[in-house]
Amino acid sequence: MHIAFSHPLWLLALLAGPAALTGLAWLAALIARIAHGMPKRNEDMVLTE
């Protein structure tokens, strides 16, 4: 009974894992897009050095 009960939980975890990763990746892309919109003088200085 315990094994049968844990299978849906594992399926839920397997589905929730990638969903959380894609959500984090989307947030990272959004932050990167906002960062690119800002003046990046510090990044240019680091790159030139």
PDB file of N, CA and C in Angstrom:
ATOM      1  N   MET A   1       0.846  -1.210   0.000  1.00  0.00           N
ATOM      2  CA  MET A   1       0.000   0.000   0.000  1.00  0.00           C
ATOM      3  C   MET A   1       0.877   1.256   0.000  1.00  0.00           C
ATOM      4  N   HIS A   2       1.949   1.219   0.764  1.00  0.00           N
ATOM      5  CA  HIS A   2       2.819   2.402   0.825  1.00  0.00           C
ATOM      6  C   HIS A   2       3.472   2.672  -0.526  1.00  0.00           C
ATOM      7  N   ILE A   3       3.887   1.600  -1.210  1.00  0.00           N
ATOM      8  CA  ILE A   3       4.549   1.765  -2.514  1.00  0.00           C
ATOM      9  C   ILE A   3       3.560   2.356  -3.517  1.00  0.00           C
ATOM     10  N   ALA A   4       2.336   1.844  -3.521  1.00  0.00           N
ATOM     11  CA  ALA A   4       1.323   2.342  -4.450  1.00  0.00           C
ATOM     12  C   ALA A   4       0.993   3.804  -4.143  1.00  0.00           C
ATOM     13  N   PHE A   5       1.099   4.166  -2.873  1.00  0.00           N
ATOM     14  CA  PHE A   5       0.770   5.540  -2.482  1.00  0.00           C
ATOM     15  C   PHE A   5       1.896   6.499  -2.843  1.00  0.00           C
ATOM     16  N   SER A   6       3.130   5.996  -2.833  1.00  0.00           N
ATOM     17  CA  SER A   6       4.275   6.872  -3.088  1.00  0.00           C
ATOM     18  C   SER A   6       4.495   7.104  -4.582  1.00  0.00           C
ATOM     19  N   HIS A   7       3.984   6.228  -5.427  1.00  0.00           N
ATOM     20  CA  HIS A   7       4.194   6.402  -6.865  1.00  0.00           C
ATOM     21  C   HIS A   7       3.623   7.722  -7.389  1.00  0.00           C
ATOM     22  N   PRO A   8       2.371   8.071  -7.045  1.00  0.00           N
ATOM     23  CA  PRO A   8       1.856   9.385  -7.496  1.00  0.00           C
ATOM     24  C   PRO A   8       2.695  10.541  -6.973  1.00  0.00           C
ATOM     25  N   LEU A   9       3.237  10.395  -5.765  1.00  0.00           N
ATOM     26  CA  LEU A   9       4.077  11.457  -5.209  1.00  0.00           C
ATOM     27  C   LEU A   9       5.360  11.594  -6.019  1.00  0.00           C
ATOM     28  N   TRP A  10       5.949  10.455  -6.431  1.00  0.00           N
ATOM     29  CA  TRP A  10       7.170  10.507  -7.246  1.00  0.00           C
ATOM     30  C   TRP A  10       6.862  11.107  -8.608  1.00  0.00           C
ATOM     31  N   LEU A  11       5.700  10.739  -9.183  1.00  0.00           N
ATOM     32  CA  LEU A  11       5.305  11.312 -10.478  1.00  0.00           C
ATOM     33  C   LEU A  11       5.108  12.813 -10.339  1.00  0.00           C
ATOM     34  N   LEU A  12       4.493  13.223  -9.241  1.00  0.00           N
ATOM     35  CA  LEU A  12       4.279  14.651  -8.997  1.00  0.00           C
ATOM     36  C   LEU A  12       5.618  15.369  -8.851  1.00  0.00           C
ATOM     37  N   ALA A  13       6.560  14.739  -8.141  1.00  0.00           N
ATOM     38  CA  ALA A  13       7.882  15.340  -7.957  1.00  0.00           C
ATOM     39  C   ALA A  13       8.618  15.425  -9.294  1.00  0.00           C
ATOM     40  N   LEU A  14       8.497  14.385 -10.113  1.00  0.00           N
ATOM     41  CA  LEU A  14       9.162  14.382 -11.425  1.00  0.00           C
ATOM     42  C   LEU A  14       8.573  15.464 -12.326  1.00  0.00           C
ATOM     43  N   LEU A  15       7.280  15.725 -12.177  1.00  0.00           N
ATOM     44  CA  LEU A  15       6.646  16.775 -12.983  1.00  0.00           C
ATOM     45  C   LEU A  15       6.938  18.157 -12.415  1.00  0.00           C
ATOM     46  N   ALA A  16       6.955  18.265 -11.093  1.00  0.00           N
ATOM     47  CA  ALA A  16       7.179  19.563 -10.455  1.00  0.00           C
ATOM     48  C   ALA A  16       8.632  20.004 -10.582  1.00  0.00           C
ATOM     49  N   GLY A  17       9.569  19.069 -10.609  1.00  0.00           N
ATOM     50  CA  GLY A  17      10.991  19.401 -10.732  1.00  0.00           C
ATOM     51  C   GLY A  17      11.291  20.199 -11.991  1.00  0.00           C
ATOM     52  N   PRO A  18      11.026  19.627 -13.177  1.00  0.00           N
ATOM     53  CA  PRO A  18      11.263  20.364 -14.430  1.00  0.00           C
ATOM     54  C   PRO A  18      10.454  21.651 -14.504  1.00  0.00           C
ATOM     55  N   ALA A  19       9.244  21.654 -13.966  1.00  0.00           N
ATOM     56  CA  ALA A  19       8.421  22.865 -13.994  1.00  0.00           C
ATOM     57  C   ALA A  19       9.093  23.976 -13.194  1.00  0.00           C
ATOM     58  N   ALA A  20       9.665  23.624 -12.039  1.00  0.00           N
ATOM     59  CA  ALA A  20      10.363  24.617 -11.219  1.00  0.00           C
ATOM     60  C   ALA A  20      11.626  25.096 -11.924  1.00  0.00           C
ATOM     61  N   LEU A  21      12.330  24.174 -12.586  1.00  0.00           N
ATOM     62  CA  LEU A  21      13.556  24.550 -13.300  1.00  0.00           C
ATOM     63  C   LEU A  21      13.235  25.479 -14.462  1.00  0.00           C
ATOM     64  N   THR A  22      12.169  25.180 -15.208  1.00  0.00           N
ATOM     65  CA  THR A  22      11.796  26.045 -16.326  1.00  0.00           C
ATOM     66  C   THR A  22      11.342  27.404 -15.804  1.00  0.00           C
ATOM     67  N   GLY A  23      10.675  27.421 -14.653  1.00  0.00           N
ATOM     68  CA  GLY A  23      10.263  28.685 -14.052  1.00  0.00           C
ATOM     69  C   GLY A  23      11.468  29.519 -13.649  1.00  0.00           C
ATOM     70  N   LEU A  24      12.467  28.874 -13.054  1.00  0.00           N
ATOM     71  CA  LEU A  24      13.694  29.584 -12.666  1.00  0.00           C
ATOM     72  C   LEU A  24      14.437  30.071 -13.902  1.00  0.00           C
ATOM     73  N   ALA A  25      14.469  29.251 -14.952  1.00  0.00           N
ATOM     74  CA  ALA A  25      15.146  29.646 -16.194  1.00  0.00           C
ATOM     75  C   ALA A  25      14.434  30.843 -16.814  1.00  0.00           C
ATOM     76  N   TRP A  26      13.089  30.854 -16.749  1.00  0.00           N
ATOM     77  CA  TRP A  26      12.327  31.974 -17.305  1.00  0.00           C
ATOM     78  C   TRP A  26      12.603  33.243 -16.504  1.00  0.00           C
ATOM     79  N   LEU A  27      12.669  33.113 -15.178  1.00  0.00           N
ATOM     80  CA  LEU A  27      12.988  34.273 -14.339  1.00  0.00           C
ATOM     81  C   LEU A  27      14.395  34.778 -14.625  1.00  0.00           C
ATOM     82  N   ALA A  28      15.339  33.864 -14.798  1.00  0.00           N
ATOM     83  CA  ALA A  28      16.721  34.250 -15.102  1.00  0.00           C
ATOM     84  C   ALA A  28      16.779  34.980 -16.440  1.00  0.00           C
ATOM     85  N   ALA A  29      16.021  34.497 -17.425  1.00  0.00           N
ATOM     86  CA  ALA A  29      15.991  35.149 -18.733  1.00  0.00           C
ATOM     87  C   ALA A  29      15.376  36.541 -18.616  1.00  0.00           C
ATOM     88  N   LEU A  30      14.335  36.674 -17.798  1.00  0.00           N
ATOM     89  CA  LEU A  30      13.690  37.975 -17.600  1.00  0.00           C
ATOM     90  C   LEU A  30      14.657  38.948 -16.931  1.00  0.00           C
ATOM     91  N   ILE A  31      15.362  38.487 -15.903  1.00  0.00           N
ATOM     92  CA  ILE A  31      16.340  39.338 -15.211  1.00  0.00           C
ATOM     93  C   ILE A  31      17.465  39.727 -16.161  1.00  0.00           C
ATOM     94  N   ALA A  32      17.919  38.773 -16.987  1.00  0.00           N
ATOM     95  CA  ALA A  32      18.989  39.055 -17.947  1.00  0.00           C
ATOM     96  C   ALA A  32      18.520  40.090 -18.964  1.00  0.00           C
ATOM     97  N   ARG A  33      17.254  39.989 -19.396  1.00  0.00           N
ATOM     98  CA  ARG A  33      16.714  40.945 -20.367  1.00  0.00           C
ATOM     99  C   ARG A  33      16.664  42.342 -19.758  1.00  0.00           C
ATOM    100  N   ILE A  34      16.251  42.434 -18.484  1.00  0.00           N
ATOM    101  CA  ILE A  34      16.201  43.731 -17.795  1.00  0.00           C
ATOM    102  C   ILE A  34      17.615  44.275 -17.612  1.00  0.00           C
ATOM    103  N   ALA A  35      18.556  43.376 -17.274  1.00  0.00           N
ATOM    104  CA  ALA A  35      19.946  43.800 -17.067  1.00  0.00           C
ATOM    105  C   ALA A  35      20.543  44.321 -18.369  1.00  0.00           C
ATOM    106  N   HIS A  36      20.205  43.688 -19.494  1.00  0.00           N
ATOM    107  CA  HIS A  36      20.730  44.143 -20.784  1.00  0.00           C
ATOM    108  C   HIS A  36      20.159  45.509 -21.143  1.00  0.00           C
ATOM    109  N   GLY A  37      18.936  45.787 -20.695  1.00  0.00           N
ATOM    110  CA  GLY A  37      18.321  47.077 -20.978  1.00  0.00           C
ATOM    111  C   GLY A  37      18.996  48.205 -20.212  1.00  0.00           C
ATOM    112  N   MET A  38      19.623  47.887 -19.083  1.00  0.00           N
ATOM    113  CA  MET A  38      20.300  48.903 -18.276  1.00  0.00           C
ATOM    114  C   MET A  38      21.674  49.223 -18.866  1.00  0.00           C
ATOM    115  N   PRO A  39      22.199  50.414 -18.567  1.00  0.00           N
ATOM    116  CA  PRO A  39      23.568  50.739 -18.998  1.00  0.00           C
ATOM    117  C   PRO A  39      24.556  49.819 -18.303  1.00  0.00           C
ATOM    118  N   LYS A  40      25.405  49.168 -19.067  1.00  0.00           N
ATOM    119  CA  LYS A  40      26.334  48.182 -18.493  1.00  0.00           C
ATOM    120  C   LYS A  40      27.767  48.680 -18.620  1.00  0.00           C
ATOM    121  N   ARG A  41      28.068  49.801 -17.981  1.00  0.00           N
ATOM    122  CA  ARG A  41      29.428  50.343 -18.033  1.00  0.00           C
ATOM    123  C   ARG A  41      30.386  49.472 -17.226  1.00  0.00           C
ATOM    124  N   ASN A  42      29.917  48.970 -16.083  1.00  0.00           N
ATOM    125  CA  ASN A  42      30.772  48.116 -15.251  1.00  0.00           C
ATOM    126  C   ASN A  42      31.171  46.854 -16.005  1.00  0.00           C
ATOM    127  N   GLU A  43      30.228  46.256 -16.732  1.00  0.00           N
ATOM    128  CA  GLU A  43      30.534  45.048 -17.491  1.00  0.00           C
ATOM    129  C   GLU A  43      31.543  45.361 -18.585  1.00  0.00           C
ATOM    130  N   ASP A  44      31.377  46.509 -19.260  1.00  0.00           N
ATOM    131  CA  ASP A  44      32.313  46.887 -20.318  1.00  0.00           C
ATOM    132  C   ASP A  44      33.714  47.096 -19.744  1.00  0.00           C
ATOM    133  N   MET A  45      33.801  47.715 -18.568  1.00  0.00           N
ATOM    134  CA  MET A  45      35.103  47.946 -17.935  1.00  0.00           C
ATOM    135  C   MET A  45      35.766  46.610 -17.597  1.00  0.00           C
ATOM    136  N   VAL A  46      34.979  45.676 -17.082  1.00  0.00           N
ATOM    137  CA  VAL A  46      35.534  44.361 -16.730  1.00  0.00           C
ATOM    138  C   VAL A  46      35.991  43.636 -17.989  1.00  0.00           C
ATOM    139  N   LEU A  47      35.221  43.755 -19.073  1.00  0.00           N
ATOM    140  CA  LEU A  47      35.576  43.078 -20.320  1.00  0.00           C
ATOM    141  C   LEU A  47      36.841  43.685 -20.920  1.00  0.00           C
ATOM    142  N   THR A  48      36.971  45.022 -20.880  1.00  0.00           N
ATOM    143  CA  THR A  48      38.146  45.665 -21.471  1.00  0.00           C
ATOM    144  C   THR A  48      39.389  45.352 -20.650  1.00  0.00           C
ATOM    145  N   GLU A  49      39.228  45.234 -19.317  1.00  0.00           N
ATOM    146  CA  GLU A  49      40.372  44.883 -18.473  1.00  0.00           C
ATOM    147  C   GLU A  49      40.696  43.411 -18.686  1.00  0.00           C
TER     148      GLU A  49
END
